[in-house]
Amino acid sequence: MELKPGNFCPLLKKECVGLQCAWFTQVRGTNPNTGKEVDEWACAMAWLPILLIENSLQQRQTGAAVESFRNEMVESQNQFISLSQQSPIVNLITK
């Protein structure tokens, strides 16, 4: 059974006025919960939960990418330090 939201606007205290409302917005993309394509018009307030979930997903992906980049940079820096300590030029300068 699929539940359908009502058409009552709590701000106007009457039925939704649809396209006459400035908050009636079209959203296109992929639903982060189901993975299905979305191309629908609805109230911006009704879109908030889905958009917040998508925002959280993007933040987690960004955090993972930054952590991966940091790990690569640390590894690269450690390799550079190791190689520079083996270099005869560096040994002459530091002595």
PDB file of N, CA and C in Angstrom:
ATOM      1  N   MET A   1       0.846  -1.180   0.000  1.00  0.00           N
ATOM      2  CA  MET A   1       0.000   0.000   0.000  1.00  0.00           C
ATOM      3  C   MET A   1       0.889   1.241   0.000  1.00  0.00           C
ATOM      4  N   GLU A   2       0.608   2.162  -0.904  1.00  0.00           N
ATOM      5  CA  GLU A   2       1.361   3.405  -0.981  1.00  0.00           C
ATOM      6  C   GLU A   2       0.540   4.527  -0.356  1.00  0.00           C
ATOM      7  N   LEU A   3       1.176   5.244   0.564  1.00  0.00           N
ATOM      8  CA  LEU A   3       0.501   6.367   1.208  1.00  0.00           C
ATOM      9  C   LEU A   3       0.692   7.624   0.386  1.00  0.00           C
ATOM     10  N   LYS A   4      -0.338   8.375   0.207  1.00  0.00           N
ATOM     11  CA  LYS A   4      -0.272   9.638  -0.523  1.00  0.00           C
ATOM     12  C   LYS A   4      -0.482  10.783   0.464  1.00  0.00           C
ATOM     13  N   PRO A   5       0.341  11.831   0.358  1.00  0.00           N
ATOM     14  CA  PRO A   5       0.146  12.974   1.254  1.00  0.00           C
ATOM     15  C   PRO A   5      -1.129  13.733   0.890  1.00  0.00           C
ATOM     16  N   GLY A   6      -1.660  14.413   1.886  1.00  0.00           N
ATOM     17  CA  GLY A   6      -2.856  15.216   1.651  1.00  0.00           C
ATOM     18  C   GLY A   6      -2.539  16.460   0.841  1.00  0.00           C
ATOM     19  N   ASN A   7      -3.548  17.235   0.543  1.00  0.00           N
ATOM     20  CA  ASN A   7      -3.410  18.434  -0.267  1.00  0.00           C
ATOM     21  C   ASN A   7      -3.691  19.695   0.551  1.00  0.00           C
ATOM     22  N   PHE A   8      -3.701  19.559   1.890  1.00  0.00           N
ATOM     23  CA  PHE A   8      -4.011  20.676   2.766  1.00  0.00           C
ATOM     24  C   PHE A   8      -2.745  21.461   3.075  1.00  0.00           C
ATOM     25  N   CYS A   9      -2.797  22.790   2.914  1.00  0.00           N
ATOM     26  CA  CYS A   9      -1.656  23.654   3.214  1.00  0.00           C
ATOM     27  C   CYS A   9      -1.828  24.222   4.621  1.00  0.00           C
ATOM     28  N   PRO A  10      -0.925  23.898   5.557  1.00  0.00           N
ATOM     29  CA  PRO A  10      -1.056  24.410   6.920  1.00  0.00           C
ATOM     30  C   PRO A  10      -0.775  25.911   7.015  1.00  0.00           C
ATOM     31  N   LEU A  11      -0.082  26.471   6.029  1.00  0.00           N
ATOM     32  CA  LEU A  11       0.191  27.912   6.053  1.00  0.00           C
ATOM     33  C   LEU A  11      -1.042  28.724   5.648  1.00  0.00           C
ATOM     34  N   LEU A  12      -1.733  28.239   4.614  1.00  0.00           N
ATOM     35  CA  LEU A  12      -2.935  28.946   4.138  1.00  0.00           C
ATOM     36  C   LEU A  12      -4.193  28.510   4.873  1.00  0.00           C
ATOM     37  N   LYS A  13      -4.101  27.385   5.560  1.00  0.00           N
ATOM     38  CA  LYS A  13      -5.254  26.783   6.258  1.00  0.00           C
ATOM     39  C   LYS A  13      -6.379  26.434   5.277  1.00  0.00           C
ATOM     40  N   LYS A  14      -5.969  26.013   4.066  1.00  0.00           N
ATOM     41  CA  LYS A  14      -6.919  25.554   3.050  1.00  0.00           C
ATOM     42  C   LYS A  14      -6.174  24.657   2.068  1.00  0.00           C
ATOM     43  N   GLU A  15      -6.831  24.219   1.031  1.00  0.00           N
ATOM     44  CA  GLU A  15      -6.201  23.355   0.035  1.00  0.00           C
ATOM     45  C   GLU A  15      -5.031  24.061  -0.640  1.00  0.00           C
ATOM     46  N   CYS A  16      -4.046  23.277  -1.062  1.00  0.00           N
ATOM     47  CA  CYS A  16      -2.865  23.796  -1.750  1.00  0.00           C
ATOM     48  C   CYS A  16      -3.292  24.526  -3.023  1.00  0.00           C
ATOM     49  N   VAL A  17      -2.655  25.670  -3.290  1.00  0.00           N
ATOM     50  CA  VAL A  17      -2.992  26.448  -4.489  1.00  0.00           C
ATOM     51  C   VAL A  17      -2.078  26.104  -5.665  1.00  0.00           C
ATOM     52  N   GLY A  18      -1.168  25.146  -5.469  1.00  0.00           N
ATOM     53  CA  GLY A  18      -0.336  24.638  -6.559  1.00  0.00           C
ATOM     54  C   GLY A  18       0.606  25.675  -7.128  1.00  0.00           C
ATOM     55  N   LEU A  19       0.564  25.856  -8.434  1.00  0.00           N
ATOM     56  CA  LEU A  19       1.498  26.735  -9.126  1.00  0.00           C
ATOM     57  C   LEU A  19       1.353  28.205  -8.750  1.00  0.00           C
ATOM     58  N   GLN A  20       0.283  28.580  -8.111  1.00  0.00           N
ATOM     59  CA  GLN A  20       0.124  29.967  -7.666  1.00  0.00           C
ATOM     60  C   GLN A  20       1.002  30.268  -6.447  1.00  0.00           C
ATOM     61  N   CYS A  21       1.476  29.243  -5.781  1.00  0.00           N
ATOM     62  CA  CYS A  21       2.295  29.405  -4.587  1.00  0.00           C
ATOM     63  C   CYS A  21       3.769  29.505  -4.983  1.00  0.00           C
ATOM     64  N   ALA A  22       4.485  30.433  -4.370  1.00  0.00           N
ATOM     65  CA  ALA A  22       5.913  30.601  -4.654  1.00  0.00           C
ATOM     66  C   ALA A  22       6.729  29.404  -4.166  1.00  0.00           C
ATOM     67  N   TRP A  23       6.224  28.643  -3.228  1.00  0.00           N
ATOM     68  CA  TRP A  23       6.957  27.493  -2.692  1.00  0.00           C
ATOM     69  C   TRP A  23       6.693  26.211  -3.469  1.00  0.00           C
ATOM     70  N   PHE A  24       5.832  26.257  -4.444  1.00  0.00           N
ATOM     71  CA  PHE A  24       5.542  25.076  -5.254  1.00  0.00           C
ATOM     72  C   PHE A  24       6.691  24.921  -6.239  1.00  0.00           C
ATOM     73  N   THR A  25       7.489  23.864  -6.067  1.00  0.00           N
ATOM     74  CA  THR A  25       8.775  23.744  -6.736  1.00  0.00           C
ATOM     75  C   THR A  25       8.905  22.411  -7.465  1.00  0.00           C
ATOM     76  N   GLN A  26       9.576  22.462  -8.619  1.00  0.00           N
ATOM     77  CA  GLN A  26       9.869  21.230  -9.349  1.00  0.00           C
ATOM     78  C   GLN A  26      11.250  20.722  -8.936  1.00  0.00           C
ATOM     79  N   VAL A  27      11.314  19.431  -8.670  1.00  0.00           N
ATOM     80  CA  VAL A  27      12.587  18.795  -8.321  1.00  0.00           C
ATOM     81  C   VAL A  27      12.834  17.667  -9.311  1.00  0.00           C
ATOM     82  N   ARG A  28      14.050  17.667  -9.880  1.00  0.00           N
ATOM     83  CA  ARG A  28      14.471  16.599 -10.786  1.00  0.00           C
ATOM     84  C   ARG A  28      15.745  15.987 -10.235  1.00  0.00           C
ATOM     85  N   GLY A  29      15.848  14.685 -10.332  1.00  0.00           N
ATOM     86  CA  GLY A  29      17.050  14.013  -9.843  1.00  0.00           C
ATOM     87  C   GLY A  29      16.725  12.597  -9.425  1.00  0.00           C
ATOM     88  N   THR A  30      17.501  12.102  -8.487  1.00  0.00           N
ATOM     89  CA  THR A  30      17.336  10.738  -7.998  1.00  0.00           C
ATOM     90  C   THR A  30      16.973  10.776  -6.523  1.00  0.00           C
ATOM     91  N   ASN A  31      15.960  10.033  -6.152  1.00  0.00           N
ATOM     92  CA  ASN A  31      15.553   9.942  -4.756  1.00  0.00           C
ATOM     93  C   ASN A  31      16.639   9.197  -3.986  1.00  0.00           C
ATOM     94  N   PRO A  32      17.248   9.833  -2.952  1.00  0.00           N
ATOM     95  CA  PRO A  32      18.332   9.172  -2.226  1.00  0.00           C
ATOM     96  C   PRO A  32      17.879   7.949  -1.439  1.00  0.00           C
ATOM     97  N   ASN A  33      16.601   7.840  -1.153  1.00  0.00           N
ATOM     98  CA  ASN A  33      16.088   6.688  -0.403  1.00  0.00           C
ATOM     99  C   ASN A  33      15.852   5.478  -1.295  1.00  0.00           C
ATOM    100  N   THR A  34      15.293   5.711  -2.483  1.00  0.00           N
ATOM    101  CA  THR A  34      14.890   4.598  -3.344  1.00  0.00           C
ATOM    102  C   THR A  34      15.772   4.428  -4.565  1.00  0.00           C
ATOM    103  N   GLY A  35      16.489   5.475  -4.971  1.00  0.00           N
ATOM    104  CA  GLY A  35      17.303   5.418  -6.176  1.00  0.00           C
ATOM    105  C   GLY A  35      16.501   5.649  -7.448  1.00  0.00           C
ATOM    106  N   LYS A  36      15.202   5.883  -7.316  1.00  0.00           N
ATOM    107  CA  LYS A  36      14.347   6.116  -8.492  1.00  0.00           C
ATOM    108  C   LYS A  36      14.486   7.555  -8.969  1.00  0.00           C
ATOM    109  N   GLU A  37      14.301   7.737 -10.271  1.00  0.00           N
ATOM    110  CA  GLU A  37      14.327   9.080 -10.841  1.00  0.00           C
ATOM    111  C   GLU A  37      13.109   9.867 -10.349  1.00  0.00           C
ATOM    112  N   VAL A  38      13.326  11.154 -10.086  1.00  0.00           N
ATOM    113  CA  VAL A  38      12.260  12.041  -9.609  1.00  0.00           C
ATOM    114  C   VAL A  38      12.147  13.213 -10.565  1.00  0.00           C
ATOM    115  N   ASP A  39      10.941  13.522 -10.978  1.00  0.00           N
ATOM    116  CA  ASP A  39      10.638  14.711 -11.766  1.00  0.00           C
ATOM    117  C   ASP A  39       9.217  15.120 -11.394  1.00  0.00           C
ATOM    118  N   GLU A  40       9.109  15.825 -10.266  1.00  0.00           N
ATOM    119  CA  GLU A  40       7.792  16.130  -9.699  1.00  0.00           C
ATOM    120  C   GLU A  40       7.714  17.565  -9.211  1.00  0.00           C
ATOM    121  N   TRP A  41       6.506  18.053  -9.159  1.00  0.00           N
ATOM    122  CA  TRP A  41       6.203  19.350  -8.546  1.00  0.00           C
ATOM    123  C   TRP A  41       5.600  19.082  -7.174  1.00  0.00           C
ATOM    124  N   ALA A  42       6.034  19.839  -6.174  1.00  0.00           N
ATOM    125  CA  ALA A  42       5.467  19.730  -4.827  1.00  0.00           C
ATOM    126  C   ALA A  42       5.879  20.960  -4.030  1.00  0.00           C
ATOM    127  N   CYS A  43       5.326  21.092  -2.856  1.00  0.00           N
ATOM    128  CA  CYS A  43       5.658  22.197  -1.962  1.00  0.00           C
ATOM    129  C   CYS A  43       7.110  22.063  -1.488  1.00  0.00           C
ATOM    130  N   ALA A  44       7.807  23.179  -1.421  1.00  0.00           N
ATOM    131  CA  ALA A  44       9.201  23.165  -0.960  1.00  0.00           C
ATOM    132  C   ALA A  44       9.303  22.588   0.448  1.00  0.00           C
ATOM    133  N   MET A  45       8.308  22.819   1.281  1.00  0.00           N
ATOM    134  CA  MET A  45       8.320  22.264   2.631  1.00  0.00           C
ATOM    135  C   MET A  45       8.232  20.733   2.581  1.00  0.00           C
ATOM    136  N   ALA A  46       7.518  20.201   1.616  1.00  0.00           N
ATOM    137  CA  ALA A  46       7.413  18.748   1.472  1.00  0.00           C
ATOM    138  C   ALA A  46       8.716  18.151   0.945  1.00  0.00           C
ATOM    139  N   TRP A  47       9.492  18.925   0.200  1.00  0.00           N
ATOM    140  CA  TRP A  47      10.768  18.439  -0.333  1.00  0.00           C
ATOM    141  C   TRP A  47      11.875  18.443   0.709  1.00  0.00           C
ATOM    142  N   LEU A  48      11.742  19.198   1.774  1.00  0.00           N
ATOM    143  CA  LEU A  48      12.823  19.341   2.752  1.00  0.00           C
ATOM    144  C   LEU A  48      13.398  18.025   3.280  1.00  0.00           C
ATOM    145  N   PRO A  49      12.597  17.059   3.708  1.00  0.00           N
ATOM    146  CA  PRO A  49      13.198  15.823   4.221  1.00  0.00           C
ATOM    147  C   PRO A  49      14.073  15.111   3.186  1.00  0.00           C
ATOM    148  N   ILE A  50      13.614  15.025   1.952  1.00  0.00           N
ATOM    149  CA  ILE A  50      14.390  14.364   0.904  1.00  0.00           C
ATOM    150  C   ILE A  50      15.667  15.141   0.622  1.00  0.00           C
ATOM    151  N   LEU A  51      15.578  16.464   0.564  1.00  0.00           N
ATOM    152  CA  LEU A  51      16.756  17.278   0.285  1.00  0.00           C
ATOM    153  C   LEU A  51      17.762  17.218   1.435  1.00  0.00           C
ATOM    154  N   LEU A  52      17.282  17.133   2.664  1.00  0.00           N
ATOM    155  CA  LEU A  52      18.189  17.001   3.812  1.00  0.00           C
ATOM    156  C   LEU A  52      18.918  15.654   3.791  1.00  0.00           C
ATOM    157  N   ILE A  53      18.218  14.606   3.401  1.00  0.00           N
ATOM    158  CA  ILE A  53      18.851  13.290   3.289  1.00  0.00           C
ATOM    159  C   ILE A  53      19.923  13.330   2.193  1.00  0.00           C
ATOM    160  N   GLU A  54      19.609  13.927   1.065  1.00  0.00           N
ATOM    161  CA  GLU A  54      20.571  14.038  -0.027  1.00  0.00           C
ATOM    162  C   GLU A  54      21.782  14.866   0.395  1.00  0.00           C
ATOM    163  N   ASN A  55      21.540  15.936   1.125  1.00  0.00           N
ATOM    164  CA  ASN A  55      22.634  16.781   1.605  1.00  0.00           C
ATOM    165  C   ASN A  55      23.556  15.983   2.522  1.00  0.00           C
ATOM    166  N   SER A  56      22.987  15.195   3.425  1.00  0.00           N
ATOM    167  CA  SER A  56      23.791  14.369   4.331  1.00  0.00           C
ATOM    168  C   SER A  56      24.623  13.355   3.552  1.00  0.00           C
ATOM    169  N   LEU A  57      24.024  12.761   2.532  1.00  0.00           N
ATOM    170  CA  LEU A  57      24.747  11.805   1.696  1.00  0.00           C
ATOM    171  C   LEU A  57      25.939  12.473   1.020  1.00  0.00           C
ATOM    172  N   GLN A  58      25.727  13.662   0.470  1.00  0.00           N
ATOM    173  CA  GLN A  58      26.810  14.381  -0.200  1.00  0.00           C
ATOM    174  C   GLN A  58      27.904  14.770   0.790  1.00  0.00           C
ATOM    175  N   GLN A  59      27.533  15.160   1.993  1.00  0.00           N
ATOM    176  CA  GLN A  59      28.531  15.511   3.005  1.00  0.00           C
ATOM    177  C   GLN A  59      29.380  14.306   3.397  1.00  0.00           C
ATOM    178  N   ARG A  60      28.738  13.144   3.529  1.00  0.00           N
ATOM    179  CA  ARG A  60      29.500  11.932   3.862  1.00  0.00           C
ATOM    180  C   ARG A  60      30.469  11.586   2.739  1.00  0.00           C
ATOM    181  N   GLN A  61      30.027  11.724   1.498  1.00  0.00           N
ATOM    182  CA  GLN A  61      30.904  11.431   0.366  1.00  0.00           C
ATOM    183  C   GLN A  61      32.067  12.422   0.303  1.00  0.00           C
ATOM    184  N   THR A  62      31.793  13.686   0.579  1.00  0.00           N
ATOM    185  CA  THR A  62      32.850  14.689   0.583  1.00  0.00           C
ATOM    186  C   THR A  62      33.850  14.401   1.701  1.00  0.00           C
ATOM    187  N   GLY A  63      33.364  14.063   2.874  1.00  0.00           N
ATOM    188  CA  GLY A  63      34.245  13.721   3.987  1.00  0.00           C
ATOM    189  C   GLY A  63      35.129  12.531   3.662  1.00  0.00           C
ATOM    190  N   ALA A  64      34.565  11.524   3.014  1.00  0.00           N
ATOM    191  CA  ALA A  64      35.347  10.349   2.637  1.00  0.00           C
ATOM    192  C   ALA A  64      36.410  10.711   1.604  1.00  0.00           C
ATOM    193  N   ALA A  65      36.064  11.585   0.660  1.00  0.00           N
ATOM    194  CA  ALA A  65      37.030  12.001  -0.365  1.00  0.00           C
ATOM    195  C   ALA A  65      38.167  12.805   0.262  1.00  0.00           C
ATOM    196  N   VAL A  66      37.845  13.694   1.186  1.00  0.00           N
ATOM    197  CA  VAL A  66      38.878  14.494   1.856  1.00  0.00           C
ATOM    198  C   VAL A  66      39.790  13.587   2.680  1.00  0.00           C
ATOM    199  N   GLU A  67      39.220  12.622   3.379  1.00  0.00           N
ATOM    200  CA  GLU A  67      40.031  11.700   4.171  1.00  0.00           C
ATOM    201  C   GLU A  67      40.947  10.879   3.274  1.00  0.00           C
ATOM    202  N   SER A  68      40.436  10.419   2.144  1.00  0.00           N
ATOM    203  CA  SER A  68      41.248   9.652   1.204  1.00  0.00           C
ATOM    204  C   SER A  68      42.396  10.501   0.663  1.00  0.00           C
ATOM    205  N   PHE A  69      42.081  11.752   0.306  1.00  0.00           N
ATOM    206  CA  PHE A  69      43.121  12.664  -0.189  1.00  0.00           C
ATOM    207  C   PHE A  69      44.170  12.913   0.878  1.00  0.00           C
ATOM    208  N   ARG A  70      43.738  13.098   2.108  1.00  0.00           N
ATOM    209  CA  ARG A  70      44.676  13.323   3.213  1.00  0.00           C
ATOM    210  C   ARG A  70      45.603  12.128   3.388  1.00  0.00           C
ATOM    211  N   ASN A  71      45.040  10.921   3.333  1.00  0.00           N
ATOM    212  CA  ASN A  71      45.856   9.719   3.481  1.00  0.00           C
ATOM    213  C   ASN A  71      46.889   9.604   2.357  1.00  0.00           C
ATOM    214  N   GLU A  72      46.484   9.943   1.137  1.00  0.00           N
ATOM    215  CA  GLU A  72      47.427   9.915   0.014  1.00  0.00           C
ATOM    216  C   GLU A  72      48.544  10.936   0.214  1.00  0.00           C
ATOM    217  N   MET A  73      48.201  12.112   0.704  1.00  0.00           N
ATOM    218  CA  MET A  73      49.206  13.155   0.918  1.00  0.00           C
ATOM    219  C   MET A  73      50.172  12.765   2.032  1.00  0.00           C
ATOM    220  N   VAL A  74      49.681  12.154   3.100  1.00  0.00           N
ATOM    221  CA  VAL A  74      50.544  11.710   4.190  1.00  0.00           C
ATOM    222  C   VAL A  74      51.504  10.641   3.682  1.00  0.00           C
ATOM    223  N   GLU A  75      50.974   9.697   2.910  1.00  0.00           N
ATOM    224  CA  GLU A  75      51.830   8.639   2.359  1.00  0.00           C
ATOM    225  C   GLU A  75      52.892   9.226   1.429  1.00  0.00           C
ATOM    226  N   SER A  76      52.498  10.166   0.588  1.00  0.00           N
ATOM    227  CA  SER A  76      53.440  10.812  -0.328  1.00  0.00           C
ATOM    228  C   SER A  76      54.515  11.576   0.449  1.00  0.00           C
ATOM    229  N   GLN A  77      54.110  12.283   1.481  1.00  0.00           N
ATOM    230  CA  GLN A  77      55.058  13.038   2.298  1.00  0.00           C
ATOM    231  C   GLN A  77      56.033  12.108   3.007  1.00  0.00           C
ATOM    232  N   ASN A  78      55.538  10.993   3.516  1.00  0.00           N
ATOM    233  CA  ASN A  78      56.411  10.015   4.182  1.00  0.00           C
ATOM    234  C   ASN A  78      57.421   9.424   3.203  1.00  0.00           C
ATOM    235  N   GLN A  79      56.987   9.155   1.982  1.00  0.00           N
ATOM    236  CA  GLN A  79      57.905   8.652   0.964  1.00  0.00           C
ATOM    237  C   GLN A  79      58.967   9.704   0.633  1.00  0.00           C
ATOM    238  N   PHE A  80      58.553  10.946   0.514  1.00  0.00           N
ATOM    239  CA  PHE A  80      59.494  12.032   0.217  1.00  0.00           C
ATOM    240  C   PHE A  80      60.535  12.162   1.334  1.00  0.00           C
ATOM    241  N   ILE A  81      60.083  12.110   2.573  1.00  0.00           N
ATOM    242  CA  ILE A  81      61.004  12.222   3.716  1.00  0.00           C
ATOM    243  C   ILE A  81      61.984  11.057   3.711  1.00  0.00           C
ATOM    244  N   SER A  82      61.463   9.858   3.460  1.00  0.00           N
ATOM    245  CA  SER A  82      62.315   8.678   3.433  1.00  0.00           C
ATOM    246  C   SER A  82      63.370   8.798   2.332  1.00  0.00           C
ATOM    247  N   LEU A  83      62.950   9.228   1.148  1.00  0.00           N
ATOM    248  CA  LEU A  83      63.898   9.384   0.038  1.00  0.00           C
ATOM    249  C   LEU A  83      64.892  10.509   0.289  1.00  0.00           C
ATOM    250  N   SER A  84      64.431  11.589   0.865  1.00  0.00           N
ATOM    251  CA  SER A  84      65.326  12.719   1.097  1.00  0.00           C
ATOM    252  C   SER A  84      66.374  12.393   2.153  1.00  0.00           C
ATOM    253  N   GLN A  85      66.057  11.519   3.090  1.00  0.00           N
ATOM    254  CA  GLN A  85      67.034  11.126   4.102  1.00  0.00           C
ATOM    255  C   GLN A  85      68.116  10.223   3.516  1.00  0.00           C
ATOM    256  N   GLN A  86      67.792   9.561   2.417  1.00  0.00           N
ATOM    257  CA  GLN A  86      68.756   8.683   1.767  1.00  0.00           C
ATOM    258  C   GLN A  86      69.630   9.440   0.758  1.00  0.00           C
ATOM    259  N   SER A  87      69.245  10.649   0.425  1.00  0.00           N
ATOM    260  CA  SER A  87      69.951  11.424  -0.584  1.00  0.00           C
ATOM    261  C   SER A  87      71.278  11.924  -0.042  1.00  0.00           C
ATOM    262  N   PRO A  88      72.381  11.775  -0.816  1.00  0.00           N
ATOM    263  CA  PRO A  88      73.690  12.269  -0.345  1.00  0.00           C
ATOM    264  C   PRO A  88      73.718  13.791  -0.258  1.00  0.00           C
ATOM    265  N   ILE A  89      72.960  14.486  -1.089  1.00  0.00           N
ATOM    266  CA  ILE A  89      72.952  15.956  -1.047  1.00  0.00           C
ATOM    267  C   ILE A  89      72.360  16.434   0.276  1.00  0.00           C
ATOM    268  N   VAL A  90      71.279  15.845   0.703  1.00  0.00           N
ATOM    269  CA  VAL A  90      70.656  16.224   1.957  1.00  0.00           C
ATOM    270  C   VAL A  90      71.582  15.899   3.109  1.00  0.00           C
ATOM    271  N   ASN A  91      72.266  14.784   3.049  1.00  0.00           N
ATOM    272  CA  ASN A  91      73.184  14.409   4.130  1.00  0.00           C
ATOM    273  C   ASN A  91      74.340  15.399   4.240  1.00  0.00           C
ATOM    274  N   LEU A  92      74.819  15.930   3.106  1.00  0.00           N
ATOM    275  CA  LEU A  92      75.884  16.928   3.149  1.00  0.00           C
ATOM    276  C   LEU A  92      75.391  18.239   3.761  1.00  0.00           C
ATOM    277  N   ILE A  93      74.181  18.619   3.426  1.00  0.00           N
ATOM    278  CA  ILE A  93      73.631  19.882   3.918  1.00  0.00           C
ATOM    279  C   ILE A  93      73.357  19.807   5.425  1.00  0.00           C
ATOM    280  N   THR A  94      72.844  18.689   5.884  1.00  0.00           N
ATOM    281  CA  THR A  94      72.458  18.583   7.295  1.00  0.00           C
ATOM    282  C   THR A  94      73.635  18.324   8.218  1.00  0.00           C
ATOM    283  N   LYS A  95      74.787  17.959   7.687  1.00  0.00           N
ATOM    284  CA  LYS A  95      75.954  17.681   8.556  1.00  0.00           C
ATOM    285  C   LYS A  95      76.722  18.912   8.885  1.00  0.00           C
TER     286      LYS A  95
END
